[in-house]
């Protein structure tokens, strides 16, 4: 395992922490648009959240992702890089040949990274979304709720990440921590394939041949383009995942992935995808 490199994990850790700090406010808006009601478009959602909850409303549920997503990104990016490097060296049988990349190697490494991301990220996303969504005006959203549920809606259900975890495990069991895992698999496995593969090829294409190492401009440009490609295709399933994970704060509305897709399409069609894509990574 001479090809194993800890630098990939360190880079993922730094990138994960930075993405949470910079992106969490927009992630909150994205989640509210996907799983909430009466927010209209992106700008309307921002104004509503700020008016009701002040600037701190955009940072609800941030502590748990900040503590965990850095580790999550570290593992995902480390797994991809080391898997891809191992596969390349296995084909070439020489460590010096590790720079040669094939589409099949990148595809398999991306799929492994996607599966690992779901195993680690499903509970993290669940806690984040539950904390982001518990201030949703449920009395407006669910007029048919039982009195007990409406009464619960007057104050936050969860007092923080630890209380949220304990409540979910107590009421739904350990399986409850993986609510929406099917939708997340359908989002992340194709999503990481459509992120890592374009990123690698775009980065190699943009980087000048004279450069012996990664070019910062090439990395930023390739990363941005790959992220747009990935999220452009992953957004519909991300909507389903968010709604399944937000489901259960006060009541269970969806029976599963297919039921969520069916209900969402019947009520809204495809009209909200553009707004929700704007708030993605």
Protein backbone atom coordinates (compact mmCIF):
# COMPACT_ATOMS: atom_id res chain seq x y z
CA UNK A 1 0.00 0.00 0.00
CA UNK A 2 2.82 2.38 -0.84
CA UNK A 3 0.36 4.42 -2.89
CA UNK A 4 -1.69 5.39 0.18
CA UNK A 5 -1.40 9.14 0.83
CA UNK A 6 -2.68 11.04 3.84
CA UNK A 7 -2.43 14.35 1.97
CA UNK A 8 -5.69 13.55 0.17
CA UNK A 9 -7.50 13.20 3.51
CA UNK A 10 -5.99 16.45 4.82
CA UNK A 11 -7.05 18.35 1.70
CA UNK A 12 -10.57 16.95 1.99
CA UNK A 13 -10.75 17.96 5.66
CA UNK A 14 -9.76 21.57 4.90
CA UNK A 15 -12.13 21.76 1.94
CA UNK A 16 -14.99 20.30 3.96
CA UNK A 17 -14.61 22.79 6.81
CA UNK A 18 -14.39 25.72 4.39
CA UNK A 19 -17.48 24.57 2.48
CA UNK A 20 -19.58 24.43 5.67
CA UNK A 21 -18.51 27.87 6.90
CA UNK A 22 -19.09 29.54 3.54
CA UNK A 23 -22.00 27.52 2.20
CA UNK A 24 -24.25 26.80 5.19
CA UNK A 25 -26.45 29.92 4.84
CA UNK A 26 -27.23 29.02 1.22
CA UNK A 27 -27.69 25.38 2.22
CA UNK A 28 -30.30 26.51 4.75
CA UNK A 29 -32.13 28.43 2.02
CA UNK A 30 -31.91 25.40 -0.29
CA UNK A 31 -33.34 23.11 2.37
CA UNK A 32 -36.21 25.50 3.16
CA UNK A 33 -37.08 25.78 -0.54
CA UNK A 34 -36.96 22.01 -1.00
CA UNK A 35 -38.84 20.89 2.11
CA UNK A 36 -40.63 24.00 3.36
CA UNK A 37 -43.71 25.91 2.25
CA UNK A 38 -44.72 29.49 1.46
CA UNK A 39 -41.20 30.63 0.63
CA UNK A 40 -41.70 31.39 -3.06
CA UNK A 41 -38.34 31.91 -4.72
CA UNK A 42 -34.78 32.21 -3.42
CA UNK A 43 -34.88 35.93 -2.61
CA UNK A 44 -38.28 35.60 -0.94
CA UNK A 45 -36.95 32.74 1.19
CA UNK A 46 -33.91 34.79 2.26
CA UNK A 47 -36.11 37.72 3.27
CA UNK A 48 -38.55 35.48 5.14
CA UNK A 49 -35.85 33.67 7.10
CA UNK A 50 -34.14 36.94 8.01
CA UNK A 51 -37.39 38.61 9.07
CA UNK A 52 -38.53 35.69 11.24
CA UNK A 53 -35.24 34.44 12.65
CA UNK A 54 -32.64 37.21 12.03
CA UNK A 55 -29.24 36.43 10.52
CA UNK A 56 -28.79 33.53 12.96
CA UNK A 57 -31.59 31.67 11.19
CA UNK A 58 -29.25 31.02 8.26
CA UNK A 59 -26.82 29.20 10.55
CA UNK A 60 -29.28 26.84 12.24
CA UNK A 61 -27.87 23.32 12.49
CA UNK A 62 -24.35 24.41 11.57
CA UNK A 63 -22.48 23.08 14.60
CA UNK A 64 -23.00 19.41 13.80
CA UNK A 65 -21.99 19.65 10.11
CA UNK A 66 -18.99 21.80 11.04
CA UNK A 67 -17.79 19.10 13.42
CA UNK A 68 -18.54 16.21 11.09
CA UNK A 69 -18.50 17.26 7.43
CA UNK A 70 -14.79 18.11 7.56
CA UNK A 71 -14.17 14.48 8.55
CA UNK A 72 -16.78 13.30 6.02
CA UNK A 73 -15.15 15.19 3.13
CA UNK A 74 -11.74 14.03 4.26
CA UNK A 75 -12.79 10.37 4.06
CA UNK A 76 -14.70 10.73 0.76
CA UNK A 77 -11.93 12.55 -1.10
CA UNK A 78 -9.27 10.37 0.48
CA UNK A 79 -11.14 7.21 -0.52
CA UNK A 80 -11.58 8.41 -4.10
CA UNK A 81 -7.96 9.48 -4.59
CA UNK A 82 -6.44 6.39 -3.00
CA UNK A 83 -8.87 4.00 -4.73
CA UNK A 84 -8.17 5.59 -8.11
CA UNK A 85 -4.43 5.49 -7.46
CA UNK A 86 -4.58 1.85 -6.35
CA UNK A 87 -6.55 0.83 -9.45
CA UNK A 88 -4.18 2.66 -11.77
CA UNK A 89 -1.13 1.04 -10.21
CA UNK A 90 -2.81 -2.36 -10.20
CA UNK A 91 -3.35 -2.11 -13.97
CA UNK A 92 0.09 -0.77 -14.70
CA UNK A 93 1.88 -2.81 -12.00
CA UNK A 94 4.37 0.02 -11.54
CA UNK A 95 4.09 2.89 -9.02
CA UNK A 96 5.65 5.25 -11.55
CA UNK A 97 2.68 4.66 -13.86
CA UNK A 98 0.12 5.93 -11.35
CA UNK A 99 -0.57 9.07 -13.39
CA UNK A 100 -2.22 7.04 -16.14
CA UNK A 101 -5.99 7.21 -15.64
CA UNK A 102 -8.68 5.24 -17.37
CA UNK A 103 -12.38 6.01 -17.39
CA UNK A 104 -13.16 2.65 -15.77
CA UNK A 105 -10.78 3.38 -12.87
CA UNK A 106 -12.30 6.81 -12.31
CA UNK A 107 -15.83 5.42 -12.55
CA UNK A 108 -15.19 2.67 -9.99
CA UNK A 109 -13.34 5.01 -7.61
CA UNK A 110 -16.19 7.54 -7.86
CA UNK A 111 -18.80 4.88 -7.12
CA UNK A 112 -16.85 3.66 -4.07
CA UNK A 113 -16.58 7.25 -2.85
CA UNK A 114 -20.34 7.71 -3.38
CA UNK A 115 -21.24 4.64 -1.33
CA UNK A 116 -18.85 5.68 1.46
CA UNK A 117 -20.33 9.19 1.41
CA UNK A 118 -23.83 7.82 2.01
CA UNK A 119 -22.71 5.62 4.89
CA UNK A 120 -21.04 8.55 6.63
CA UNK A 121 -23.17 11.43 5.42
CA UNK A 122 -26.76 10.22 5.81
CA UNK A 123 -26.90 10.79 9.60
CA UNK A 124 -25.07 14.12 9.23
CA UNK A 125 -27.51 15.37 6.61
CA UNK A 126 -30.48 14.12 8.62
CA UNK A 127 -29.49 16.04 11.77
CA UNK A 128 -28.65 19.16 9.78
CA UNK A 129 -31.96 19.17 7.93
CA UNK A 130 -34.03 18.41 11.04
CA UNK A 131 -32.43 21.35 12.85
CA UNK A 132 -32.84 23.63 9.82
CA UNK A 133 -36.49 22.72 9.34
CA UNK A 134 -37.88 22.66 12.89
CA UNK A 135 -38.70 26.38 12.77
CA UNK A 136 -40.77 25.82 9.61
CA UNK A 137 -44.30 27.25 10.11
CA UNK A 138 -45.99 23.85 10.31
CA UNK A 139 -49.34 25.24 11.37
CA UNK A 140 -49.52 26.89 7.96
CA UNK A 141 -48.11 23.89 6.14
CA UNK A 142 -50.18 21.15 7.73
CA UNK A 143 -53.63 22.33 8.66
CA UNK A 144 -54.79 18.74 9.15
CA UNK A 145 -52.31 18.01 11.94
CA UNK A 146 -53.61 16.61 15.17
CA UNK A 147 -53.79 19.08 18.11
CA UNK A 148 -50.77 17.48 19.81
CA UNK A 149 -48.61 18.00 16.72
CA UNK A 150 -49.76 21.60 16.39
CA UNK A 151 -48.93 22.21 20.03
CA UNK A 152 -45.48 20.77 19.49
CA UNK A 153 -45.03 23.13 16.58
CA UNK A 154 -45.13 26.15 18.91
CA UNK A 155 -41.58 25.47 20.06
CA UNK A 156 -38.56 23.70 18.56
CA UNK A 157 -38.69 19.93 18.83
CA UNK A 158 -34.90 19.59 19.11
CA UNK A 159 -32.72 21.50 21.53
CA UNK A 160 -29.51 20.81 19.65
CA UNK A 161 -27.63 18.13 17.69
CA UNK A 162 -27.19 15.74 20.64
CA UNK A 163 -30.85 16.04 21.66
CA UNK A 164 -31.88 15.57 18.02
CA UNK A 165 -29.86 12.34 17.73
CA UNK A 166 -31.24 11.01 21.03
CA UNK A 167 -34.82 11.84 20.03
CA UNK A 168 -34.56 10.16 16.63
CA UNK A 169 -32.95 7.01 18.07
CA UNK A 170 -35.58 6.86 20.83
CA UNK A 171 -38.59 7.37 18.55
CA UNK A 172 -37.42 5.77 15.29
CA UNK A 173 -34.57 3.47 16.29
CA UNK A 174 -31.09 3.42 14.74
CA UNK A 175 -32.68 2.94 11.31
CA UNK A 176 -34.20 6.40 11.73
CA UNK A 177 -30.72 7.91 11.45
CA UNK A 178 -30.65 6.64 7.87
CA UNK A 179 -34.00 8.00 6.73
CA UNK A 180 -33.73 8.94 3.07
CA UNK A 181 -30.68 6.72 2.48
CA UNK A 182 -32.16 5.31 -0.74
CA UNK A 183 -32.57 8.77 -2.23
CA UNK A 184 -29.10 9.71 -1.04
CA UNK A 185 -27.60 6.69 -2.81
CA UNK A 186 -29.40 7.68 -6.00
CA UNK A 187 -28.02 11.19 -5.57
CA UNK A 188 -24.44 10.56 -4.47
CA UNK A 189 -23.28 7.58 -6.52
CA UNK A 190 -24.15 9.18 -9.91
CA UNK A 191 -23.36 12.61 -8.46
CA UNK A 192 -19.80 11.77 -7.49
CA UNK A 193 -19.24 10.04 -10.85
CA UNK A 194 -20.37 13.23 -12.57
CA UNK A 195 -18.14 15.29 -10.28
CA UNK A 196 -14.85 13.44 -10.07
CA UNK A 197 -14.65 12.26 -13.70
CA UNK A 198 -15.23 15.71 -15.28
CA UNK A 199 -12.97 17.28 -12.65
CA UNK A 200 -10.03 14.98 -13.40
CA UNK A 201 -10.29 15.33 -17.18
CA UNK A 202 -10.98 19.08 -17.10
CA UNK A 203 -8.10 19.65 -14.69
CA UNK A 204 -5.71 17.68 -16.91
CA UNK A 205 -6.98 19.51 -19.99
CA UNK A 206 -6.71 23.00 -18.50
CA UNK A 207 -3.37 22.53 -16.73
CA UNK A 208 -0.45 23.62 -18.96
CA UNK A 209 1.81 20.76 -20.00
CA UNK A 210 4.83 22.56 -18.55
CA UNK A 211 3.37 22.40 -15.03
CA UNK A 212 4.72 19.57 -12.90
CA UNK A 213 2.02 19.93 -10.23
CA UNK A 214 -1.60 21.06 -9.90
CA UNK A 215 -2.25 24.56 -11.21
CA UNK A 216 -4.45 26.55 -8.74
CA UNK A 217 -6.43 28.27 -11.50
CA UNK A 218 -7.02 24.96 -13.25
CA UNK A 219 -8.14 23.33 -9.99
CA UNK A 220 -10.62 26.14 -9.21
CA UNK A 221 -12.02 26.27 -12.74
CA UNK A 222 -12.29 22.49 -13.11
CA UNK A 223 -13.83 22.19 -9.64
CA UNK A 224 -16.44 24.84 -10.41
CA UNK A 225 -17.41 23.31 -13.74
CA UNK A 226 -17.52 19.78 -12.32
CA UNK A 227 -19.64 20.98 -9.39
CA UNK A 228 -22.13 22.61 -11.77
CA UNK A 229 -22.37 19.42 -13.84
CA UNK A 230 -22.79 17.24 -10.75
CA UNK A 231 -25.40 19.36 -9.00
CA UNK A 232 -27.27 20.02 -12.23
CA UNK A 233 -28.09 16.32 -12.39
CA UNK A 234 -28.26 15.62 -8.63
CA UNK A 235 -30.72 18.37 -7.64
CA UNK A 236 -33.97 16.43 -8.30
CA UNK A 237 -32.90 13.53 -6.09
CA UNK A 238 -31.50 16.00 -3.53
CA UNK A 239 -35.00 17.49 -3.27
CA UNK A 240 -36.42 14.02 -2.61
CA UNK A 241 -33.72 13.28 -0.02
CA UNK A 242 -34.31 16.57 1.81
CA UNK A 243 -38.07 16.03 1.93
CA UNK A 244 -37.73 12.48 3.21
CA UNK A 245 -35.27 13.56 5.90
CA UNK A 246 -37.32 16.60 6.95
CA UNK A 247 -40.37 14.34 7.05
CA UNK A 248 -40.87 13.12 10.58
CA UNK A 249 -40.20 16.28 12.57
CA UNK A 250 -43.93 16.55 13.29
CA UNK A 251 -45.52 13.86 11.10
CA UNK A 252 -44.70 11.29 8.43
CA UNK A 253 -45.98 12.43 5.06
CA UNK A 254 -44.09 10.18 2.63
CA UNK A 255 -43.99 6.38 2.46
CA UNK A 256 -40.71 6.20 0.56
CA UNK A 257 -38.68 7.49 -2.38
CA UNK A 258 -41.25 6.71 -5.07
CA UNK A 259 -44.12 8.13 -3.02
CA UNK A 260 -42.16 11.33 -2.39
CA UNK A 261 -41.37 11.69 -6.10
CA UNK A 262 -45.01 11.07 -7.00
CA UNK A 263 -46.42 13.55 -4.47
CA UNK A 264 -43.85 16.21 -5.32
CA UNK A 265 -44.45 15.95 -9.05
CA UNK A 266 -48.25 15.92 -8.71
CA UNK A 267 -48.26 19.04 -6.54
CA UNK A 268 -45.41 21.07 -8.05
CA UNK A 269 -44.22 19.49 -11.29
CA UNK A 270 -40.69 20.56 -12.23
CA UNK A 271 -41.18 24.28 -11.64
CA UNK A 272 -39.03 24.61 -8.48
CA UNK A 273 -35.91 22.84 -9.72
CA UNK A 274 -34.29 25.98 -11.13
CA UNK A 275 -34.65 27.92 -7.88
CA UNK A 276 -33.30 25.04 -5.84
CA UNK A 277 -30.34 24.52 -8.20
CA UNK A 278 -29.24 28.12 -7.62
CA UNK A 279 -28.77 27.38 -3.92
CA UNK A 280 -26.78 24.17 -4.48
CA UNK A 281 -23.04 24.00 -4.29
